[in-house]
Each structure stands twice: as C-alpha cells, then as structure tokens.
Amino acid sequence: MLMVIGIDPGLRGAIAALDAQGQVIGAWPMPAAGGEVHAAGIADRLRSLRCFDPAQDIGGVVIEKVGAMPQQGVTSTFTFGTGWGMVRGVCAALSLPVRLASPVLWKKRILAGLPHDKAGAVRFCASRWPTAELILPGCRVPHDGIADALCLAEYGRVLEPIR
C-alpha cells in the first residue's frame, strides 16, 4: 500500500498522511518546542508512520516549497527558513523521497474552483474528508496547517506521484 505524506513546514504547519485511495491515515500539527520547529518530533512522527503497517510503502513526502514573504522581518524569515531546512534534513536522514511543491502550483491544481488561500484549503478538506479532524481540541477554528498538509499529500498522491 502506498502512503503519501504532505508537510506544511511552518511553525503553525502540519504533517498529514494519505493512503493510496486518498483516505486520511492521520494529520498532526507541526511538532514544536521552544517556539521552533522540533526536528526530533518530526523524525518521531515520520518514523511512526513508517511503522503504521509493516507492509506500508512510503510513496514519498511532498513539502511546500516556500520563500520569504514581503514585509516579513529578518528574524522571522531566518526562523522560518531554519524550520524548513529541519523538515528537509529529517526527510533526508530518514531516506524518504521528497518532492517540493510551490504553493501556486499545488493550490491551482487542488483548490480548483476555490479561493487559493487558507480558507479555500480548509473548505476543500472539509468537503473531501468530512471526518478529518481539522479543529484541534480546545480550539474553535480549523487548523489551516493541517488543511494545507492534507492538500499537499493529495497533490502528491493524485497529480504528481513520487517515484
């Protein structure tokens, strides 16, 4: 069975996994510690997915290819870039095949007919996976990082398979 993992690499990002039929295996907020992306937490999550089923085949990881945003401060840009690099480094250390997907490309293909923003991703996920837990315990609004990670996994599964 093929599994595709989508990662929205920001501090408020997430990790999500879909099986070959597009069913949600799981979706989790980005592991963080001390206000930064936590590499060991990412590694633990990805290892646990590999062990989800001993016969499970990781089809690959789709990571959002991001860059600095206009008006973003130097410190926040550096922190974000460090977290993005940690995500890539953990995937490399675990020998997982990775594909980078630009937000413009995956949103154009997955969110067709919807706004190409966080709200559009949440709407797509709520419609595509009505039982997916987009609202975390203690929260009132959907976690848009989880929605983006699910969309990235769907992009990798359906439109741009990783070989």
N, C-alpha and C. Protein backbone atom coordinates (compact mmCIF):
# COMPACT_ATOMS: atom_id res chain seq x y z
N MET A 1 0.85 -1.17 0.00
CA MET A 1 0.00 0.00 0.00
C MET A 1 0.90 1.23 0.00
N LEU A 2 0.57 2.20 -0.81
CA LEU A 2 1.33 3.42 -0.92
C LEU A 2 0.79 4.46 0.05
N MET A 3 1.70 5.19 0.68
CA MET A 3 1.31 6.28 1.56
C MET A 3 2.07 7.51 1.12
N VAL A 4 1.36 8.64 1.03
CA VAL A 4 1.99 9.91 0.68
C VAL A 4 1.82 10.84 1.87
N ILE A 5 2.90 11.51 2.21
CA ILE A 5 2.92 12.43 3.35
C ILE A 5 3.03 13.85 2.81
N GLY A 6 2.20 14.73 3.33
CA GLY A 6 2.27 16.15 3.00
C GLY A 6 2.75 16.92 4.21
N ILE A 7 3.65 17.88 3.99
CA ILE A 7 4.16 18.67 5.11
C ILE A 7 4.07 20.15 4.78
N ASP A 8 3.32 20.87 5.61
CA ASP A 8 3.32 22.33 5.61
C ASP A 8 4.38 22.70 6.65
N PRO A 9 5.54 23.23 6.21
CA PRO A 9 6.72 23.29 7.08
C PRO A 9 6.77 24.39 8.13
N GLY A 10 5.82 25.25 8.21
CA GLY A 10 5.88 26.34 9.17
C GLY A 10 5.64 25.90 10.60
N LEU A 11 5.94 26.81 11.52
CA LEU A 11 5.71 26.54 12.95
C LEU A 11 4.24 26.23 13.21
N ARG A 12 3.35 26.87 12.47
CA ARG A 12 1.92 26.56 12.56
C ARG A 12 1.50 25.60 11.46
N GLY A 13 2.47 24.88 10.89
CA GLY A 13 2.21 23.92 9.83
C GLY A 13 1.76 22.59 10.40
N ALA A 14 1.92 21.55 9.59
CA ALA A 14 1.43 20.23 10.00
C ALA A 14 2.04 19.14 9.12
N ILE A 15 1.79 17.92 9.55
CA ILE A 15 2.17 16.72 8.82
C ILE A 15 0.89 15.90 8.62
N ALA A 16 0.67 15.44 7.38
CA ALA A 16 -0.52 14.63 7.11
C ALA A 16 -0.14 13.46 6.22
N ALA A 17 -0.86 12.35 6.36
CA ALA A 17 -0.59 11.16 5.56
C ALA A 17 -1.88 10.62 4.98
N LEU A 18 -1.81 10.27 3.69
CA LEU A 18 -2.93 9.65 2.98
C LEU A 18 -2.50 8.30 2.44
N ASP A 19 -3.44 7.36 2.37
CA ASP A 19 -3.13 6.08 1.74
C ASP A 19 -3.36 6.20 0.23
N ALA A 20 -3.13 5.11 -0.47
CA ALA A 20 -3.22 5.12 -1.94
C ALA A 20 -4.63 5.47 -2.44
N GLN A 21 -5.65 5.19 -1.65
CA GLN A 21 -7.02 5.51 -2.05
C GLN A 21 -7.42 6.92 -1.64
N GLY A 22 -6.53 7.64 -0.99
CA GLY A 22 -6.83 9.01 -0.59
C GLY A 22 -7.50 9.13 0.76
N GLN A 23 -7.49 8.06 1.54
CA GLN A 23 -8.07 8.13 2.88
C GLN A 23 -7.02 8.67 3.86
N VAL A 24 -7.49 9.44 4.81
CA VAL A 24 -6.58 10.04 5.79
C VAL A 24 -6.09 8.99 6.76
N ILE A 25 -4.78 8.83 6.82
CA ILE A 25 -4.16 7.97 7.82
C ILE A 25 -4.03 8.75 9.11
N GLY A 26 -3.66 10.01 8.99
CA GLY A 26 -3.55 10.88 10.16
C GLY A 26 -3.08 12.26 9.75
N ALA A 27 -3.30 13.22 10.64
CA ALA A 27 -2.86 14.60 10.42
C ALA A 27 -2.56 15.21 11.78
N TRP A 28 -1.39 15.84 11.89
CA TRP A 28 -0.92 16.35 13.17
C TRP A 28 -0.29 17.72 13.01
N PRO A 29 -0.45 18.58 14.02
CA PRO A 29 0.24 19.87 13.98
C PRO A 29 1.75 19.66 13.95
N MET A 30 2.47 20.62 13.41
CA MET A 30 3.93 20.54 13.35
C MET A 30 4.49 20.43 14.77
N PRO A 31 5.34 19.43 15.00
CA PRO A 31 5.99 19.34 16.30
C PRO A 31 6.83 20.59 16.55
N ALA A 32 6.67 21.16 17.72
CA ALA A 32 7.40 22.38 18.06
C ALA A 32 7.86 22.33 19.51
N ALA A 33 8.96 23.01 19.78
CA ALA A 33 9.48 23.13 21.14
C ALA A 33 10.23 24.45 21.22
N GLY A 34 9.99 25.19 22.27
CA GLY A 34 10.69 26.45 22.47
C GLY A 34 10.43 27.46 21.36
N GLY A 35 9.25 27.42 20.77
CA GLY A 35 8.91 28.37 19.72
C GLY A 35 9.57 28.08 18.38
N GLU A 36 10.09 26.87 18.20
CA GLU A 36 10.73 26.49 16.95
C GLU A 36 10.23 25.12 16.50
N VAL A 37 10.36 24.85 15.20
CA VAL A 37 10.07 23.52 14.67
C VAL A 37 11.03 22.55 15.35
N HIS A 38 10.49 21.41 15.79
CA HIS A 38 11.27 20.44 16.56
C HIS A 38 11.65 19.24 15.70
N ALA A 39 12.91 19.19 15.30
CA ALA A 39 13.38 18.15 14.37
C ALA A 39 13.15 16.74 14.91
N ALA A 40 13.46 16.52 16.18
CA ALA A 40 13.29 15.18 16.75
C ALA A 40 11.81 14.77 16.74
N GLY A 41 10.92 15.72 16.97
CA GLY A 41 9.49 15.43 16.93
C GLY A 41 9.03 15.06 15.53
N ILE A 42 9.57 15.76 14.52
CA ILE A 42 9.25 15.43 13.13
C ILE A 42 9.74 14.02 12.82
N ALA A 43 10.96 13.72 13.22
CA ALA A 43 11.54 12.40 12.96
C ALA A 43 10.70 11.31 13.63
N ASP A 44 10.29 11.54 14.86
CA ASP A 44 9.46 10.55 15.56
C ASP A 44 8.15 10.32 14.83
N ARG A 45 7.51 11.41 14.37
CA ARG A 45 6.23 11.28 13.67
C ARG A 45 6.42 10.50 12.37
N LEU A 46 7.45 10.85 11.59
CA LEU A 46 7.67 10.16 10.32
C LEU A 46 8.05 8.70 10.53
N ARG A 47 8.83 8.42 11.57
CA ARG A 47 9.16 7.01 11.88
C ARG A 47 7.90 6.25 12.26
N SER A 48 7.02 6.87 13.03
CA SER A 48 5.79 6.19 13.45
C SER A 48 4.91 5.89 12.24
N LEU A 49 4.93 6.75 11.25
CA LEU A 49 4.15 6.49 10.04
C LEU A 49 4.73 5.32 9.27
N ARG A 50 6.02 5.24 9.22
CA ARG A 50 6.66 4.10 8.54
C ARG A 50 6.28 2.80 9.22
N CYS A 51 6.06 2.84 10.51
CA CYS A 51 5.73 1.63 11.27
C CYS A 51 4.23 1.43 11.39
N PHE A 52 3.45 2.32 10.79
CA PHE A 52 1.99 2.23 10.88
C PHE A 52 1.52 0.85 10.46
N ASP A 53 2.12 0.31 9.42
CA ASP A 53 1.84 -1.03 8.92
C ASP A 53 3.16 -1.55 8.36
N PRO A 54 3.64 -2.69 8.85
CA PRO A 54 4.94 -3.17 8.39
C PRO A 54 5.06 -3.30 6.87
N ALA A 55 3.93 -3.50 6.19
CA ALA A 55 3.97 -3.62 4.73
C ALA A 55 3.81 -2.26 4.04
N GLN A 56 3.66 -1.20 4.83
CA GLN A 56 3.41 0.13 4.28
C GLN A 56 4.58 0.61 3.44
N ASP A 57 4.28 1.12 2.30
CA ASP A 57 5.29 1.67 1.41
C ASP A 57 5.13 3.18 1.39
N ILE A 58 6.17 3.90 1.78
CA ILE A 58 6.12 5.36 1.73
C ILE A 58 6.32 5.77 0.28
N GLY A 59 5.29 6.34 -0.32
CA GLY A 59 5.40 6.81 -1.69
C GLY A 59 6.20 8.08 -1.77
N GLY A 60 6.32 8.76 -0.68
CA GLY A 60 7.13 9.97 -0.66
C GLY A 60 6.51 11.06 0.19
N VAL A 61 7.25 12.13 0.25
CA VAL A 61 6.86 13.28 1.04
C VAL A 61 6.77 14.49 0.11
N VAL A 62 5.69 15.23 0.22
CA VAL A 62 5.54 16.48 -0.52
C VAL A 62 5.64 17.61 0.49
N ILE A 63 6.64 18.45 0.31
CA ILE A 63 6.87 19.59 1.20
C ILE A 63 6.59 20.87 0.42
N GLU A 64 5.86 21.76 1.04
CA GLU A 64 5.61 23.04 0.37
C GLU A 64 6.92 23.80 0.18
N LYS A 65 7.17 24.22 -1.04
CA LYS A 65 8.36 24.99 -1.37
C LYS A 65 8.04 26.46 -1.10
N VAL A 66 8.63 26.96 -0.07
CA VAL A 66 8.29 28.31 0.38
C VAL A 66 9.50 29.23 0.32
N GLY A 67 9.24 30.50 0.44
CA GLY A 67 10.30 31.50 0.47
C GLY A 67 9.89 32.63 1.40
N ALA A 68 10.74 33.62 1.48
CA ALA A 68 10.44 34.78 2.32
C ALA A 68 9.21 35.51 1.80
N MET A 69 8.43 36.05 2.72
CA MET A 69 7.24 36.80 2.34
C MET A 69 7.55 38.29 2.43
N PRO A 70 6.93 39.09 1.56
CA PRO A 70 7.13 40.53 1.63
C PRO A 70 6.74 41.06 3.02
N GLN A 71 7.47 42.01 3.49
CA GLN A 71 7.23 42.67 4.78
C GLN A 71 7.52 41.77 5.98
N GLN A 72 8.09 40.59 5.75
CA GLN A 72 8.44 39.70 6.85
C GLN A 72 9.79 40.13 7.39
N GLY A 73 9.92 40.19 8.69
CA GLY A 73 11.16 40.61 9.31
C GLY A 73 12.29 39.61 9.13
N VAL A 74 13.51 40.09 9.33
CA VAL A 74 14.69 39.25 9.15
C VAL A 74 14.69 38.08 10.13
N THR A 75 14.37 38.33 11.37
CA THR A 75 14.38 37.27 12.38
C THR A 75 13.35 36.20 12.07
N SER A 76 12.13 36.61 11.73
CA SER A 76 11.09 35.62 11.44
C SER A 76 11.42 34.85 10.15
N THR A 77 12.01 35.52 9.17
CA THR A 77 12.42 34.84 7.95
C THR A 77 13.48 33.79 8.25
N PHE A 78 14.45 34.15 9.08
CA PHE A 78 15.51 33.21 9.43
C PHE A 78 14.94 32.02 10.20
N THR A 79 14.06 32.28 11.15
CA THR A 79 13.44 31.22 11.94
C THR A 79 12.64 30.28 11.04
N PHE A 80 11.87 30.87 10.12
CA PHE A 80 11.07 30.04 9.22
C PHE A 80 11.97 29.20 8.32
N GLY A 81 13.01 29.80 7.79
CA GLY A 81 13.94 29.08 6.92
C GLY A 81 14.65 27.95 7.66
N THR A 82 14.98 28.19 8.92
CA THR A 82 15.61 27.15 9.72
C THR A 82 14.67 25.96 9.89
N GLY A 83 13.41 26.23 10.19
CA GLY A 83 12.42 25.16 10.33
C GLY A 83 12.22 24.39 9.04
N TRP A 84 12.17 25.11 7.91
CA TRP A 84 12.02 24.46 6.61
C TRP A 84 13.20 23.54 6.33
N GLY A 85 14.39 24.02 6.67
CA GLY A 85 15.59 23.20 6.49
C GLY A 85 15.59 21.97 7.38
N MET A 86 15.06 22.11 8.61
CA MET A 86 14.97 20.96 9.51
C MET A 86 14.06 19.88 8.92
N VAL A 87 12.93 20.30 8.37
CA VAL A 87 12.00 19.34 7.76
C VAL A 87 12.70 18.59 6.63
N ARG A 88 13.38 19.32 5.77
CA ARG A 88 14.09 18.67 4.65
C ARG A 88 15.20 17.76 5.16
N GLY A 89 15.93 18.22 6.18
CA GLY A 89 17.02 17.41 6.72
C GLY A 89 16.54 16.12 7.35
N VAL A 90 15.44 16.19 8.08
CA VAL A 90 14.88 14.98 8.69
C VAL A 90 14.46 13.98 7.61
N CYS A 91 13.80 14.46 6.57
CA CYS A 91 13.39 13.57 5.47
C CYS A 91 14.61 12.93 4.81
N ALA A 92 15.67 13.72 4.62
CA ALA A 92 16.89 13.18 4.01
C ALA A 92 17.52 12.13 4.93
N ALA A 93 17.56 12.41 6.23
CA ALA A 93 18.16 11.47 7.17
C ALA A 93 17.39 10.16 7.23
N LEU A 94 16.09 10.22 6.99
CA LEU A 94 15.25 9.01 7.01
C LEU A 94 15.15 8.37 5.62
N SER A 95 15.89 8.91 4.66
CA SER A 95 15.91 8.40 3.28
C SER A 95 14.53 8.38 2.63
N LEU A 96 13.74 9.39 2.92
CA LEU A 96 12.41 9.50 2.31
C LEU A 96 12.50 10.30 1.02
N PRO A 97 11.89 9.81 -0.05
CA PRO A 97 11.87 10.59 -1.29
C PRO A 97 11.02 11.85 -1.10
N VAL A 98 11.55 12.98 -1.55
CA VAL A 98 10.89 14.27 -1.33
C VAL A 98 10.63 14.96 -2.65
N ARG A 99 9.47 15.58 -2.75
CA ARG A 99 9.15 16.48 -3.85
C ARG A 99 8.73 17.80 -3.23
N LEU A 100 9.26 18.89 -3.78
CA LEU A 100 8.86 20.22 -3.35
C LEU A 100 7.74 20.70 -4.25
N ALA A 101 6.72 21.30 -3.66
CA ALA A 101 5.57 21.79 -4.43
C ALA A 101 5.36 23.26 -4.11
N SER A 102 5.43 24.09 -5.13
CA SER A 102 5.21 25.52 -4.89
C SER A 102 3.74 25.75 -4.55
N PRO A 103 3.46 26.71 -3.68
CA PRO A 103 2.07 26.98 -3.31
C PRO A 103 1.20 27.32 -4.53
N VAL A 104 1.76 28.08 -5.47
CA VAL A 104 0.99 28.45 -6.66
C VAL A 104 0.55 27.20 -7.42
N LEU A 105 1.45 26.24 -7.59
CA LEU A 105 1.14 25.03 -8.37
C LEU A 105 0.15 24.13 -7.65
N TRP A 106 0.42 23.77 -6.38
CA TRP A 106 -0.49 22.83 -5.74
C TRP A 106 -1.87 23.44 -5.50
N LYS A 107 -1.91 24.74 -5.21
CA LYS A 107 -3.22 25.37 -4.99
C LYS A 107 -4.01 25.45 -6.28
N LYS A 108 -3.33 25.73 -7.39
CA LYS A 108 -4.00 25.78 -8.69
C LYS A 108 -4.63 24.43 -9.02
N ARG A 109 -3.92 23.36 -8.73
CA ARG A 109 -4.41 22.03 -9.10
C ARG A 109 -5.39 21.43 -8.10
N ILE A 110 -5.15 21.64 -6.82
CA ILE A 110 -6.01 21.02 -5.80
C ILE A 110 -7.22 21.89 -5.47
N LEU A 111 -7.03 23.18 -5.41
CA LEU A 111 -8.11 24.08 -4.99
C LEU A 111 -8.86 24.69 -6.18
N ALA A 112 -8.91 24.00 -7.29
CA ALA A 112 -9.61 24.50 -8.46
C ALA A 112 -11.05 24.84 -8.09
N GLY A 113 -11.45 26.05 -8.42
CA GLY A 113 -12.82 26.49 -8.12
C GLY A 113 -13.00 27.06 -6.72
N LEU A 114 -11.95 27.04 -5.92
CA LEU A 114 -12.00 27.58 -4.56
C LEU A 114 -10.96 28.70 -4.44
N PRO A 115 -11.11 29.54 -3.42
CA PRO A 115 -10.06 30.55 -3.21
C PRO A 115 -8.72 29.86 -2.92
N HIS A 116 -7.66 30.42 -3.44
CA HIS A 116 -6.33 29.83 -3.26
C HIS A 116 -5.68 30.39 -2.00
N ASP A 117 -6.36 30.21 -0.88
CA ASP A 117 -5.86 30.69 0.40
C ASP A 117 -6.14 29.64 1.47
N LYS A 118 -5.83 29.97 2.72
CA LYS A 118 -6.02 29.02 3.82
C LYS A 118 -7.49 28.60 3.94
N ALA A 119 -8.40 29.55 3.78
CA ALA A 119 -9.83 29.23 3.88
C ALA A 119 -10.25 28.26 2.78
N GLY A 120 -9.71 28.43 1.58
CA GLY A 120 -10.01 27.52 0.49
C GLY A 120 -9.53 26.11 0.78
N ALA A 121 -8.34 26.00 1.37
CA ALA A 121 -7.80 24.68 1.74
C ALA A 121 -8.68 24.01 2.80
N VAL A 122 -9.11 24.79 3.77
CA VAL A 122 -9.99 24.24 4.81
C VAL A 122 -11.31 23.77 4.19
N ARG A 123 -11.88 24.56 3.30
CA ARG A 123 -13.13 24.17 2.64
C ARG A 123 -12.95 22.89 1.83
N PHE A 124 -11.84 22.80 1.07
CA PHE A 124 -11.58 21.59 0.28
C PHE A 124 -11.51 20.37 1.19
N CYS A 125 -10.74 20.48 2.27
CA CYS A 125 -10.55 19.33 3.18
C CYS A 125 -11.84 18.93 3.87
N ALA A 126 -12.62 19.91 4.30
CA ALA A 126 -13.90 19.61 4.96
C ALA A 126 -14.84 18.87 4.01
N SER A 127 -14.76 19.20 2.73
CA SER A 127 -15.60 18.53 1.73
C SER A 127 -15.04 17.17 1.35
N ARG A 128 -13.73 17.09 1.12
CA ARG A 128 -13.08 15.86 0.65
C ARG A 128 -13.00 14.80 1.75
N TRP A 129 -12.70 15.24 2.97
CA TRP A 129 -12.55 14.33 4.11
C TRP A 129 -13.42 14.84 5.26
N PRO A 130 -14.74 14.65 5.21
CA PRO A 130 -15.63 15.21 6.23
C PRO A 130 -15.35 14.72 7.65
N THR A 131 -14.71 13.58 7.80
CA THR A 131 -14.44 13.08 9.15
C THR A 131 -13.05 13.46 9.65
N ALA A 132 -12.26 14.13 8.82
CA ALA A 132 -10.92 14.55 9.26
C ALA A 132 -11.05 15.59 10.36
N GLU A 133 -10.21 15.47 11.36
CA GLU A 133 -10.25 16.39 12.49
C GLU A 133 -9.41 17.63 12.18
N LEU A 134 -10.08 18.65 11.64
CA LEU A 134 -9.41 19.89 11.32
C LEU A 134 -9.39 20.86 12.50
N ILE A 135 -10.29 20.65 13.44
CA ILE A 135 -10.35 21.51 14.63
C ILE A 135 -9.73 20.73 15.79
N LEU A 136 -8.63 21.25 16.30
CA LEU A 136 -7.92 20.57 17.39
C LEU A 136 -8.64 20.77 18.71
N PRO A 137 -8.45 19.85 19.67
CA PRO A 137 -9.08 20.01 20.97
C PRO A 137 -8.72 21.36 21.59
N GLY A 138 -9.73 22.02 22.13
CA GLY A 138 -9.52 23.32 22.77
C GLY A 138 -9.54 24.50 21.81
N CYS A 139 -9.73 24.22 20.53
CA CYS A 139 -9.76 25.29 19.53
C CYS A 139 -11.16 25.41 18.95
N ARG A 140 -11.44 26.57 18.36
CA ARG A 140 -12.74 26.78 17.75
C ARG A 140 -12.68 26.90 16.23
N VAL A 141 -11.48 27.11 15.72
CA VAL A 141 -11.33 27.27 14.27
C VAL A 141 -10.47 26.14 13.71
N PRO A 142 -10.67 25.80 12.46
CA PRO A 142 -9.87 24.74 11.85
C PRO A 142 -8.39 25.12 11.81
N HIS A 143 -7.56 24.13 11.91
CA HIS A 143 -6.10 24.30 11.84
C HIS A 143 -5.72 24.34 10.36
N ASP A 144 -5.41 25.53 9.85
CA ASP A 144 -5.14 25.65 8.41
C ASP A 144 -3.85 24.96 8.00
N GLY A 145 -2.92 24.74 8.93
CA GLY A 145 -1.71 23.99 8.61
C GLY A 145 -2.03 22.53 8.30
N ILE A 146 -2.97 21.96 9.04
CA ILE A 146 -3.40 20.59 8.77
C ILE A 146 -4.09 20.53 7.41
N ALA A 147 -4.92 21.52 7.12
CA ALA A 147 -5.59 21.55 5.81
C ALA A 147 -4.55 21.63 4.68
N ASP A 148 -3.57 22.50 4.82
CA ASP A 148 -2.53 22.60 3.79
C ASP A 148 -1.75 21.29 3.65
N ALA A 149 -1.41 20.66 4.76
CA ALA A 149 -0.66 19.40 4.71
C ALA A 149 -1.47 18.31 4.01
N LEU A 150 -2.76 18.24 4.29
CA LEU A 150 -3.62 17.27 3.61
C LEU A 150 -3.68 17.55 2.11
N CYS A 151 -3.78 18.82 1.75
CA CYS A 151 -3.81 19.19 0.33
C CYS A 151 -2.50 18.83 -0.36
N LEU A 152 -1.38 19.05 0.32
CA LEU A 152 -0.08 18.69 -0.25
C LEU A 152 0.04 17.18 -0.46
N ALA A 153 -0.45 16.41 0.50
CA ALA A 153 -0.43 14.95 0.35
C ALA A 153 -1.32 14.53 -0.82
N GLU A 154 -2.48 15.14 -0.96
CA GLU A 154 -3.38 14.83 -2.07
C GLU A 154 -2.72 15.19 -3.40
N TYR A 155 -2.05 16.31 -3.45
CA TYR A 155 -1.31 16.72 -4.65
C TYR A 155 -0.30 15.64 -5.03
N GLY A 156 0.46 15.17 -4.06
CA GLY A 156 1.45 14.12 -4.34
C GLY A 156 0.82 12.80 -4.72
N ARG A 157 -0.29 12.49 -4.13
CA ARG A 157 -0.96 11.20 -4.39
C ARG A 157 -1.59 11.15 -5.77
N VAL A 158 -2.30 12.19 -6.15
CA VAL A 158 -3.10 12.16 -7.36
C VAL A 158 -2.42 12.79 -8.57
N LEU A 159 -1.82 13.94 -8.36
CA LEU A 159 -1.38 14.71 -9.51
C LEU A 159 0.11 14.61 -9.83
N GLU A 160 0.90 14.43 -8.82
CA GLU A 160 2.35 14.40 -9.04
C GLU A 160 2.97 13.26 -8.26
N PRO A 161 2.67 12.01 -8.63
CA PRO A 161 3.20 10.89 -7.85
C PRO A 161 4.72 10.91 -7.77
N ILE A 162 5.25 10.56 -6.63
CA ILE A 162 6.69 10.48 -6.43
C ILE A 162 7.11 9.06 -6.71
N ARG A 163 8.09 8.89 -7.54
CA ARG A 163 8.56 7.54 -7.88
C ARG A 163 9.92 7.31 -7.30
